[in-house]
């Protein structure tokens, strides 16, 4: 068993609603380097993509067994995702299989899954890795847009950045 860093890279948002939160597993912490309703600079995002966090203080951090916003990770359309050293990192584009070994993980979502995946689904996909690790630190290397919707499903225009529609549903991502 080992300590592991798992980076979620791409576009990100939080869809408010009845299932707006998810509980972190017992051995997991998630760090956000921007506040809700804020974008993430390209330079900081690039450092986070590569797990370069030494000396950085997160804006928010949620530890084991605590609730966190159920963020949604979207494909990195138009982003330059910086790659960490493949000698110590796996670069995974979901729904690819996730290796269970001592390497850290950089997770992105395949472009055909335009609807992205919730943190709840990502945690389910990563469960074998989480269960094998003593301590897991998730780094959210994406913006934290908030999807507020008016009655009737019309977007209210508050910092919406998600790439909704046009791709297979989340359940298909789970099935690979």
N, C-alpha and C. Protein backbone atom coordinates (compact mmCIF):
# COMPACT_ATOMS: atom_id res chain seq x y z
N UNK A 1 0.85 -1.18 0.00
CA UNK A 1 0.00 0.00 0.00
C UNK A 1 0.89 1.24 0.00
N UNK A 2 0.36 2.30 -0.59
CA UNK A 2 1.17 3.50 -0.75
C UNK A 2 0.29 4.74 -0.68
N UNK A 3 0.98 5.89 -0.64
CA UNK A 3 0.29 7.17 -0.78
C UNK A 3 0.18 7.47 -2.26
N UNK A 4 -0.91 8.10 -2.64
CA UNK A 4 -1.14 8.34 -4.07
C UNK A 4 -1.72 9.72 -4.29
N UNK A 5 -1.31 10.34 -5.40
CA UNK A 5 -1.90 11.59 -5.87
C UNK A 5 -2.70 11.27 -7.13
N UNK A 6 -3.93 11.75 -7.17
CA UNK A 6 -4.79 11.59 -8.35
C UNK A 6 -5.27 12.98 -8.75
N UNK A 7 -4.91 13.38 -9.97
CA UNK A 7 -5.28 14.70 -10.49
C UNK A 7 -6.44 14.55 -11.46
N UNK A 8 -7.46 15.39 -11.28
CA UNK A 8 -8.58 15.47 -12.22
C UNK A 8 -8.36 16.70 -13.09
N UNK A 9 -8.09 16.50 -14.39
CA UNK A 9 -7.77 17.59 -15.31
C UNK A 9 -8.84 17.74 -16.37
N UNK A 10 -9.23 18.98 -16.65
CA UNK A 10 -10.23 19.27 -17.67
C UNK A 10 -11.03 20.49 -17.28
N UNK A 11 -12.25 20.56 -17.75
CA UNK A 11 -13.18 21.62 -17.36
C UNK A 11 -13.97 21.10 -16.17
N UNK A 12 -14.43 22.01 -15.32
CA UNK A 12 -15.17 21.55 -14.16
C UNK A 12 -16.30 22.48 -13.77
N UNK A 13 -17.35 21.89 -13.20
CA UNK A 13 -18.46 22.68 -12.66
C UNK A 13 -19.15 21.90 -11.57
N UNK A 14 -19.99 22.61 -10.86
CA UNK A 14 -20.77 22.01 -9.78
C UNK A 14 -22.23 22.22 -10.11
N UNK A 15 -22.96 21.14 -10.27
CA UNK A 15 -24.38 21.23 -10.58
C UNK A 15 -25.17 21.13 -9.29
N UNK A 16 -25.74 22.24 -8.90
CA UNK A 16 -26.51 22.26 -7.66
C UNK A 16 -27.79 21.46 -7.82
N UNK A 17 -28.23 20.87 -6.76
CA UNK A 17 -29.46 20.08 -6.79
C UNK A 17 -29.51 19.15 -5.60
N UNK A 18 -30.39 18.17 -5.66
CA UNK A 18 -30.60 17.30 -4.50
C UNK A 18 -29.38 16.44 -4.18
N UNK A 19 -28.58 16.09 -5.15
CA UNK A 19 -27.37 15.29 -4.91
C UNK A 19 -26.13 16.14 -5.13
N UNK A 20 -26.10 17.30 -4.52
CA UNK A 20 -25.02 18.25 -4.79
C UNK A 20 -23.73 17.96 -4.02
N UNK A 21 -23.75 16.97 -3.13
CA UNK A 21 -22.57 16.67 -2.33
C UNK A 21 -22.26 15.18 -2.38
N UNK A 22 -21.00 14.85 -2.11
CA UNK A 22 -20.55 13.47 -2.03
C UNK A 22 -19.59 13.37 -0.85
N UNK A 23 -19.57 12.22 -0.19
CA UNK A 23 -18.70 12.01 0.97
C UNK A 23 -17.35 11.44 0.50
N UNK A 24 -16.27 12.01 0.98
CA UNK A 24 -14.94 11.50 0.67
C UNK A 24 -14.73 10.16 1.37
N UNK A 25 -14.08 9.22 0.69
CA UNK A 25 -13.74 7.94 1.34
C UNK A 25 -12.82 8.16 2.55
N UNK A 26 -12.73 7.15 3.40
CA UNK A 26 -12.02 7.26 4.68
C UNK A 26 -10.55 7.66 4.55
N UNK A 27 -9.90 7.30 3.48
CA UNK A 27 -8.47 7.58 3.35
C UNK A 27 -8.17 8.66 2.30
N UNK A 28 -9.15 9.51 2.01
CA UNK A 28 -9.01 10.47 0.90
C UNK A 28 -9.20 11.92 1.33
N UNK A 29 -8.44 12.79 0.67
CA UNK A 29 -8.55 14.23 0.82
C UNK A 29 -8.65 14.81 -0.59
N UNK A 30 -9.44 15.86 -0.75
CA UNK A 30 -9.48 16.56 -2.04
C UNK A 30 -9.10 18.01 -1.81
N UNK A 31 -8.28 18.53 -2.70
CA UNK A 31 -7.82 19.92 -2.61
C UNK A 31 -8.26 20.69 -3.86
N UNK A 32 -8.81 21.87 -3.58
CA UNK A 32 -9.21 22.79 -4.64
C UNK A 32 -8.33 24.03 -4.54
N UNK A 33 -7.80 24.47 -5.66
CA UNK A 33 -6.92 25.63 -5.68
C UNK A 33 -7.60 26.87 -6.25
N UNK A 34 -8.92 26.84 -6.26
CA UNK A 34 -9.74 27.99 -6.59
C UNK A 34 -11.07 27.81 -5.87
N UNK A 35 -11.76 28.89 -5.63
CA UNK A 35 -13.04 28.85 -4.93
C UNK A 35 -14.16 28.53 -5.91
N UNK A 36 -15.33 28.14 -5.38
CA UNK A 36 -16.50 27.93 -6.24
C UNK A 36 -16.81 29.20 -7.01
N UNK A 37 -17.32 29.01 -8.22
CA UNK A 37 -17.67 30.09 -9.14
C UNK A 37 -16.45 30.85 -9.64
N UNK A 38 -15.29 30.21 -9.62
CA UNK A 38 -14.06 30.83 -10.07
C UNK A 38 -13.37 29.96 -11.11
N UNK A 39 -12.65 30.63 -11.99
CA UNK A 39 -11.85 29.91 -12.97
C UNK A 39 -10.47 29.62 -12.39
N UNK A 40 -9.72 28.81 -13.08
CA UNK A 40 -8.37 28.43 -12.68
C UNK A 40 -7.42 28.92 -13.75
N UNK A 41 -6.36 29.61 -13.37
CA UNK A 41 -5.42 30.13 -14.37
C UNK A 41 -4.73 28.97 -15.08
N UNK A 42 -4.33 29.21 -16.33
CA UNK A 42 -3.62 28.17 -17.10
C UNK A 42 -2.33 27.75 -16.42
N UNK A 43 -1.58 28.72 -15.88
CA UNK A 43 -0.30 28.37 -15.24
C UNK A 43 -0.51 27.49 -14.02
N UNK A 44 -1.43 27.87 -13.15
CA UNK A 44 -1.70 27.07 -11.96
C UNK A 44 -2.29 25.72 -12.36
N UNK A 45 -3.21 25.71 -13.30
CA UNK A 45 -3.79 24.46 -13.79
C UNK A 45 -2.72 23.52 -14.33
N UNK A 46 -1.76 24.06 -15.05
CA UNK A 46 -0.67 23.24 -15.59
C UNK A 46 0.19 22.63 -14.50
N UNK A 47 0.46 23.41 -13.45
CA UNK A 47 1.22 22.86 -12.32
C UNK A 47 0.42 21.74 -11.64
N UNK A 48 -0.86 21.98 -11.44
CA UNK A 48 -1.71 20.96 -10.82
C UNK A 48 -1.81 19.71 -11.69
N UNK A 49 -1.92 19.91 -13.02
CA UNK A 49 -1.97 18.77 -13.95
C UNK A 49 -0.81 17.81 -13.69
N UNK A 50 0.34 18.37 -13.37
CA UNK A 50 1.55 17.57 -13.18
C UNK A 50 1.81 17.22 -11.72
N UNK A 51 0.86 17.55 -10.83
CA UNK A 51 1.02 17.23 -9.42
C UNK A 51 2.02 18.11 -8.70
N UNK A 52 2.34 19.25 -9.29
CA UNK A 52 3.33 20.16 -8.71
C UNK A 52 2.64 21.09 -7.71
N UNK A 53 2.59 20.66 -6.44
CA UNK A 53 1.86 21.42 -5.43
C UNK A 53 2.73 21.88 -4.26
N UNK A 54 4.01 21.56 -4.29
CA UNK A 54 4.90 21.96 -3.20
C UNK A 54 4.86 23.47 -3.04
N UNK A 55 4.56 23.91 -1.84
CA UNK A 55 4.50 25.35 -1.55
C UNK A 55 3.17 26.00 -1.84
N UNK A 56 2.23 25.26 -2.46
CA UNK A 56 0.91 25.82 -2.77
C UNK A 56 -0.06 25.52 -1.64
N UNK A 57 -0.83 26.50 -1.26
CA UNK A 57 -1.88 26.30 -0.26
C UNK A 57 -3.22 26.22 -0.99
N UNK A 58 -3.99 25.16 -0.76
CA UNK A 58 -5.30 25.08 -1.41
C UNK A 58 -6.26 26.13 -0.87
N UNK A 59 -7.18 26.59 -1.73
CA UNK A 59 -8.23 27.51 -1.28
C UNK A 59 -9.23 26.77 -0.41
N UNK A 60 -9.46 25.49 -0.73
CA UNK A 60 -10.35 24.66 0.06
C UNK A 60 -9.80 23.24 0.06
N UNK A 61 -10.02 22.56 1.18
CA UNK A 61 -9.59 21.18 1.31
C UNK A 61 -10.63 20.45 2.14
N UNK A 62 -10.98 19.26 1.70
CA UNK A 62 -11.94 18.43 2.43
C UNK A 62 -11.28 17.09 2.69
N UNK A 63 -11.34 16.65 3.95
CA UNK A 63 -10.67 15.44 4.36
C UNK A 63 -11.57 14.22 4.38
N UNK A 64 -11.03 13.14 4.92
CA UNK A 64 -11.73 11.86 4.97
C UNK A 64 -13.09 11.94 5.66
N UNK A 65 -14.05 11.23 5.08
CA UNK A 65 -15.40 11.08 5.62
C UNK A 65 -16.20 12.38 5.69
N UNK A 66 -15.76 13.43 5.03
CA UNK A 66 -16.48 14.69 5.01
C UNK A 66 -17.11 14.91 3.64
N UNK A 67 -18.16 15.70 3.61
CA UNK A 67 -18.84 15.98 2.34
C UNK A 67 -18.12 17.08 1.58
N UNK A 68 -18.18 16.96 0.27
CA UNK A 68 -17.56 17.90 -0.65
C UNK A 68 -18.55 18.11 -1.80
N UNK A 69 -18.51 19.29 -2.46
CA UNK A 69 -19.37 19.46 -3.63
C UNK A 69 -19.12 18.35 -4.65
N UNK A 70 -20.20 17.80 -5.19
CA UNK A 70 -20.09 16.74 -6.19
C UNK A 70 -19.76 17.38 -7.54
N UNK A 71 -18.50 17.80 -7.66
CA UNK A 71 -18.03 18.47 -8.87
C UNK A 71 -18.18 17.54 -10.07
N UNK A 72 -18.25 18.13 -11.24
CA UNK A 72 -18.36 17.38 -12.49
C UNK A 72 -17.14 17.72 -13.34
N UNK A 73 -16.45 16.69 -13.81
CA UNK A 73 -15.28 16.86 -14.67
C UNK A 73 -15.70 16.62 -16.11
N UNK A 74 -15.32 17.55 -16.99
CA UNK A 74 -15.65 17.48 -18.41
C UNK A 74 -14.39 17.29 -19.24
N UNK A 75 -14.54 16.83 -20.48
CA UNK A 75 -13.38 16.70 -21.36
C UNK A 75 -12.64 18.04 -21.48
N UNK A 76 -11.35 17.96 -21.73
CA UNK A 76 -10.53 19.18 -21.76
C UNK A 76 -10.54 19.91 -23.11
N UNK A 77 -11.71 20.06 -23.73
CA UNK A 77 -11.81 20.77 -25.01
C UNK A 77 -11.10 22.13 -24.91
N UNK A 78 -10.16 22.36 -25.82
CA UNK A 78 -9.49 23.65 -25.89
C UNK A 78 -8.44 23.90 -24.82
N UNK A 79 -8.20 22.96 -23.95
CA UNK A 79 -7.19 23.14 -22.90
C UNK A 79 -5.90 22.44 -23.30
N UNK A 80 -4.81 22.97 -22.81
CA UNK A 80 -3.51 22.33 -22.99
C UNK A 80 -3.18 21.63 -21.67
N UNK A 81 -3.61 20.38 -21.53
CA UNK A 81 -3.35 19.62 -20.31
C UNK A 81 -1.87 19.25 -20.31
N UNK A 82 -1.18 19.67 -19.27
CA UNK A 82 0.25 19.37 -19.17
C UNK A 82 0.40 17.98 -18.55
N UNK A 83 1.30 17.22 -19.11
CA UNK A 83 1.48 15.83 -18.71
C UNK A 83 2.60 15.69 -17.69
N UNK A 84 2.36 14.93 -16.64
CA UNK A 84 3.43 14.64 -15.68
C UNK A 84 4.39 13.60 -16.25
N UNK A 85 5.46 13.35 -15.53
CA UNK A 85 6.47 12.38 -15.93
C UNK A 85 5.88 10.98 -15.96
N UNK A 86 5.82 10.33 -17.14
CA UNK A 86 5.22 9.00 -17.23
C UNK A 86 5.99 7.92 -16.45
N UNK A 87 7.18 8.22 -15.99
CA UNK A 87 7.91 7.24 -15.19
C UNK A 87 7.23 7.01 -13.84
N UNK A 88 6.53 8.03 -13.33
CA UNK A 88 5.87 7.88 -12.03
C UNK A 88 4.37 8.17 -12.08
N UNK A 89 3.84 8.39 -13.29
CA UNK A 89 2.42 8.73 -13.44
C UNK A 89 1.79 7.91 -14.56
N UNK A 90 0.53 7.53 -14.37
CA UNK A 90 -0.29 7.00 -15.45
C UNK A 90 -1.17 8.15 -15.96
N UNK A 91 -1.27 8.29 -17.28
CA UNK A 91 -2.13 9.29 -17.91
C UNK A 91 -3.36 8.54 -18.40
N UNK A 92 -4.49 8.74 -17.73
CA UNK A 92 -5.70 7.97 -18.00
C UNK A 92 -6.77 8.87 -18.60
N UNK A 93 -7.29 8.48 -19.76
CA UNK A 93 -8.45 9.15 -20.33
C UNK A 93 -9.61 8.18 -20.21
N UNK A 94 -10.54 8.51 -19.31
CA UNK A 94 -11.68 7.63 -19.07
C UNK A 94 -12.57 7.56 -20.29
N UNK A 95 -13.02 6.38 -20.63
CA UNK A 95 -13.21 5.20 -19.81
C UNK A 95 -12.11 4.14 -19.89
N UNK A 96 -10.87 4.48 -20.11
CA UNK A 96 -9.79 3.50 -20.15
C UNK A 96 -9.68 2.78 -18.81
N UNK A 97 -9.17 1.56 -18.82
CA UNK A 97 -8.95 0.84 -17.56
C UNK A 97 -7.98 1.63 -16.66
N UNK A 98 -8.19 1.51 -15.37
CA UNK A 98 -7.36 2.23 -14.40
C UNK A 98 -6.42 1.23 -13.74
N UNK A 99 -5.11 1.40 -13.95
CA UNK A 99 -4.15 0.48 -13.34
C UNK A 99 -4.12 0.63 -11.82
N UNK A 100 -3.92 -0.48 -11.14
CA UNK A 100 -3.83 -0.47 -9.69
C UNK A 100 -2.38 -0.82 -9.34
N UNK A 101 -1.56 0.23 -9.21
CA UNK A 101 -0.16 0.05 -8.83
C UNK A 101 0.26 1.29 -8.04
N UNK A 102 1.56 1.49 -7.89
CA UNK A 102 2.03 2.59 -7.05
C UNK A 102 2.18 3.93 -7.77
N UNK A 103 1.92 3.98 -9.08
CA UNK A 103 2.04 5.24 -9.79
C UNK A 103 0.87 6.17 -9.47
N UNK A 104 1.14 7.47 -9.54
CA UNK A 104 0.09 8.48 -9.42
C UNK A 104 -0.73 8.49 -10.70
N UNK A 105 -1.90 9.14 -10.66
CA UNK A 105 -2.80 9.14 -11.81
C UNK A 105 -3.19 10.56 -12.21
N UNK A 106 -3.19 10.82 -13.51
CA UNK A 106 -3.80 12.02 -14.05
C UNK A 106 -5.02 11.54 -14.84
N UNK A 107 -6.21 12.03 -14.45
CA UNK A 107 -7.46 11.58 -15.03
C UNK A 107 -8.07 12.68 -15.89
N UNK A 108 -8.41 12.34 -17.14
CA UNK A 108 -9.20 13.21 -18.00
C UNK A 108 -10.38 12.39 -18.51
N UNK A 109 -11.34 13.08 -19.12
CA UNK A 109 -12.52 12.43 -19.68
C UNK A 109 -12.41 12.47 -21.20
N UNK A 110 -12.70 11.36 -21.86
CA UNK A 110 -12.65 11.30 -23.32
C UNK A 110 -13.64 12.31 -23.92
N UNK A 111 -13.24 12.90 -25.04
CA UNK A 111 -14.06 13.94 -25.69
C UNK A 111 -15.47 13.48 -26.02
N UNK A 112 -15.65 12.19 -26.33
CA UNK A 112 -16.99 11.73 -26.71
C UNK A 112 -17.95 11.74 -25.53
N UNK A 113 -17.46 11.89 -24.31
CA UNK A 113 -18.30 11.97 -23.11
C UNK A 113 -18.48 13.43 -22.73
N UNK A 114 -19.14 14.17 -23.61
CA UNK A 114 -19.32 15.62 -23.43
C UNK A 114 -20.05 16.00 -22.17
N UNK A 115 -20.85 15.09 -21.62
CA UNK A 115 -21.57 15.36 -20.38
C UNK A 115 -20.72 15.18 -19.14
N UNK A 116 -19.49 14.70 -19.30
CA UNK A 116 -18.57 14.56 -18.19
C UNK A 116 -18.97 13.49 -17.20
N UNK A 117 -18.34 13.54 -16.02
CA UNK A 117 -18.61 12.58 -14.96
C UNK A 117 -18.56 13.31 -13.62
N UNK A 118 -19.48 12.95 -12.75
CA UNK A 118 -19.52 13.54 -11.42
C UNK A 118 -18.39 12.95 -10.56
N UNK A 119 -18.06 13.67 -9.51
CA UNK A 119 -17.06 13.17 -8.58
C UNK A 119 -17.52 11.84 -7.97
N UNK A 120 -18.80 11.71 -7.74
CA UNK A 120 -19.35 10.45 -7.21
C UNK A 120 -19.01 9.28 -8.14
N UNK A 121 -19.18 9.47 -9.44
CA UNK A 121 -18.86 8.43 -10.42
C UNK A 121 -17.35 8.21 -10.49
N UNK A 122 -16.58 9.29 -10.45
CA UNK A 122 -15.12 9.14 -10.49
C UNK A 122 -14.62 8.34 -9.29
N UNK A 123 -15.18 8.61 -8.12
CA UNK A 123 -14.78 7.85 -6.92
C UNK A 123 -15.13 6.37 -7.07
N UNK A 124 -16.27 6.09 -7.70
CA UNK A 124 -16.68 4.70 -7.92
C UNK A 124 -15.69 4.01 -8.88
N UNK A 125 -15.31 4.71 -9.95
CA UNK A 125 -14.36 4.14 -10.91
C UNK A 125 -12.98 3.91 -10.28
N UNK A 126 -12.61 4.78 -9.34
CA UNK A 126 -11.29 4.72 -8.71
C UNK A 126 -11.26 3.87 -7.44
N UNK A 127 -12.37 3.26 -7.07
CA UNK A 127 -12.45 2.51 -5.82
C UNK A 127 -11.33 1.46 -5.67
N UNK A 128 -11.00 0.67 -6.70
CA UNK A 128 -9.91 -0.30 -6.51
C UNK A 128 -8.57 0.36 -6.15
N UNK A 129 -8.30 1.51 -6.73
CA UNK A 129 -7.07 2.24 -6.42
C UNK A 129 -7.14 2.81 -5.01
N UNK A 130 -8.28 3.40 -4.67
CA UNK A 130 -8.47 3.98 -3.33
C UNK A 130 -8.31 2.90 -2.26
N UNK A 131 -8.92 1.75 -2.48
CA UNK A 131 -8.87 0.66 -1.50
C UNK A 131 -7.45 0.13 -1.31
N UNK A 132 -6.62 0.25 -2.31
CA UNK A 132 -5.25 -0.27 -2.25
C UNK A 132 -4.27 0.74 -1.66
N UNK A 133 -4.68 1.97 -1.46
CA UNK A 133 -3.78 3.04 -1.02
C UNK A 133 -4.01 3.38 0.45
N UNK A 134 -2.92 3.74 1.13
CA UNK A 134 -3.03 4.20 2.52
C UNK A 134 -3.65 5.58 2.59
N UNK A 135 -3.24 6.43 1.67
CA UNK A 135 -3.66 7.84 1.69
C UNK A 135 -3.75 8.32 0.24
N UNK A 136 -4.88 8.91 -0.12
CA UNK A 136 -5.07 9.42 -1.48
C UNK A 136 -5.35 10.91 -1.39
N UNK A 137 -4.61 11.68 -2.18
CA UNK A 137 -4.86 13.12 -2.29
C UNK A 137 -5.33 13.39 -3.70
N UNK A 138 -6.57 13.90 -3.82
CA UNK A 138 -7.12 14.31 -5.10
C UNK A 138 -6.82 15.78 -5.30
N UNK A 139 -6.36 16.13 -6.49
CA UNK A 139 -6.15 17.53 -6.86
C UNK A 139 -7.14 17.87 -7.96
N UNK A 140 -7.95 18.89 -7.76
CA UNK A 140 -8.92 19.32 -8.75
C UNK A 140 -8.24 20.37 -9.63
N UNK A 141 -7.76 19.95 -10.82
CA UNK A 141 -7.07 20.84 -11.75
C UNK A 141 -8.05 21.31 -12.82
N UNK A 142 -9.13 21.91 -12.37
CA UNK A 142 -10.19 22.39 -13.27
C UNK A 142 -10.85 23.59 -12.62
N UNK A 143 -11.57 24.33 -13.41
CA UNK A 143 -12.34 25.44 -12.86
C UNK A 143 -13.43 24.90 -11.95
N UNK A 144 -14.07 25.79 -11.21
CA UNK A 144 -15.16 25.40 -10.32
C UNK A 144 -16.39 26.23 -10.62
N UNK A 145 -16.78 26.20 -11.89
CA UNK A 145 -17.99 26.90 -12.29
C UNK A 145 -19.18 26.32 -11.53
N UNK A 146 -20.21 27.10 -11.38
CA UNK A 146 -21.43 26.64 -10.71
C UNK A 146 -22.56 26.74 -11.71
N UNK A 147 -23.28 25.63 -11.87
CA UNK A 147 -24.39 25.57 -12.81
C UNK A 147 -25.67 25.86 -12.05
N UNK A 148 -26.12 27.10 -12.10
CA UNK A 148 -27.39 27.47 -11.50
C UNK A 148 -28.42 27.51 -12.60
N UNK A 149 -29.53 26.84 -12.38
CA UNK A 149 -30.56 26.79 -13.41
C UNK A 149 -31.85 27.40 -12.90
N UNK A 150 -32.49 28.16 -13.75
CA UNK A 150 -33.78 28.74 -13.41
C UNK A 150 -34.87 27.69 -13.61
N UNK A 151 -36.04 27.94 -13.08
CA UNK A 151 -37.17 27.04 -13.28
C UNK A 151 -37.39 26.87 -14.77
N UNK A 152 -37.61 25.65 -15.21
CA UNK A 152 -37.81 25.38 -16.63
C UNK A 152 -36.54 24.92 -17.31
N UNK A 153 -35.42 24.85 -16.57
CA UNK A 153 -34.18 24.30 -17.12
C UNK A 153 -33.36 25.27 -17.92
N UNK A 154 -33.70 26.53 -17.96
CA UNK A 154 -32.89 27.50 -18.69
C UNK A 154 -31.68 27.89 -17.86
N UNK A 155 -30.52 27.97 -18.48
CA UNK A 155 -29.31 28.36 -17.76
C UNK A 155 -29.44 29.81 -17.32
N UNK A 156 -29.03 30.08 -16.08
CA UNK A 156 -29.14 31.44 -15.57
C UNK A 156 -27.96 32.30 -15.98
N UNK A 157 -26.93 31.70 -16.55
CA UNK A 157 -25.80 32.48 -17.02
C UNK A 157 -24.76 32.77 -15.96
N UNK A 158 -24.79 32.08 -14.83
CA UNK A 158 -23.81 32.32 -13.78
C UNK A 158 -22.65 31.37 -13.96
N UNK A 159 -21.62 31.83 -14.65
CA UNK A 159 -20.36 31.11 -14.76
C UNK A 159 -20.51 29.68 -15.25
N UNK A 160 -21.41 29.44 -16.16
CA UNK A 160 -21.58 28.08 -16.68
C UNK A 160 -20.48 27.79 -17.70
N UNK A 161 -19.72 26.72 -17.45
CA UNK A 161 -18.62 26.36 -18.33
C UNK A 161 -18.71 24.91 -18.77
N UNK A 162 -19.65 24.16 -18.24
CA UNK A 162 -19.71 22.75 -18.59
C UNK A 162 -20.05 22.56 -20.06
N UNK A 163 -19.67 21.45 -20.57
CA UNK A 163 -19.91 21.10 -21.96
C UNK A 163 -21.02 20.06 -21.99
N UNK A 164 -22.24 20.47 -21.78
CA UNK A 164 -23.32 19.50 -21.62
C UNK A 164 -23.86 19.05 -22.97
N UNK A 165 -24.40 17.86 -22.94
CA UNK A 165 -25.05 17.30 -24.12
C UNK A 165 -24.07 16.85 -25.18
N UNK A 166 -24.58 16.17 -26.16
CA UNK A 166 -23.78 15.79 -27.31
C UNK A 166 -22.92 14.56 -27.12
N UNK A 167 -22.94 13.96 -25.93
CA UNK A 167 -22.09 12.80 -25.72
C UNK A 167 -22.82 11.72 -24.96
N UNK A 168 -22.22 10.53 -24.90
CA UNK A 168 -22.84 9.45 -24.15
C UNK A 168 -23.05 9.83 -22.69
N UNK A 169 -23.98 9.19 -22.06
CA UNK A 169 -24.33 9.47 -20.67
C UNK A 169 -23.28 8.88 -19.73
N UNK A 170 -23.33 9.36 -18.50
CA UNK A 170 -22.40 8.96 -17.45
C UNK A 170 -22.42 7.45 -17.21
N UNK A 171 -23.59 6.83 -17.31
CA UNK A 171 -23.68 5.38 -17.09
C UNK A 171 -22.81 4.63 -18.10
N UNK A 172 -22.74 5.13 -19.33
CA UNK A 172 -21.91 4.49 -20.35
C UNK A 172 -20.43 4.63 -19.99
N UNK A 173 -20.06 5.75 -19.39
CA UNK A 173 -18.68 5.94 -18.96
C UNK A 173 -18.32 4.89 -17.92
N UNK A 174 -19.24 4.62 -17.01
CA UNK A 174 -19.01 3.61 -15.98
C UNK A 174 -18.81 2.22 -16.58
N UNK A 175 -19.51 1.94 -17.68
CA UNK A 175 -19.42 0.63 -18.30
C UNK A 175 -18.23 0.51 -19.22
N UNK A 176 -17.59 1.65 -19.55
CA UNK A 176 -16.41 1.61 -20.40
C UNK A 176 -16.81 1.48 -21.82
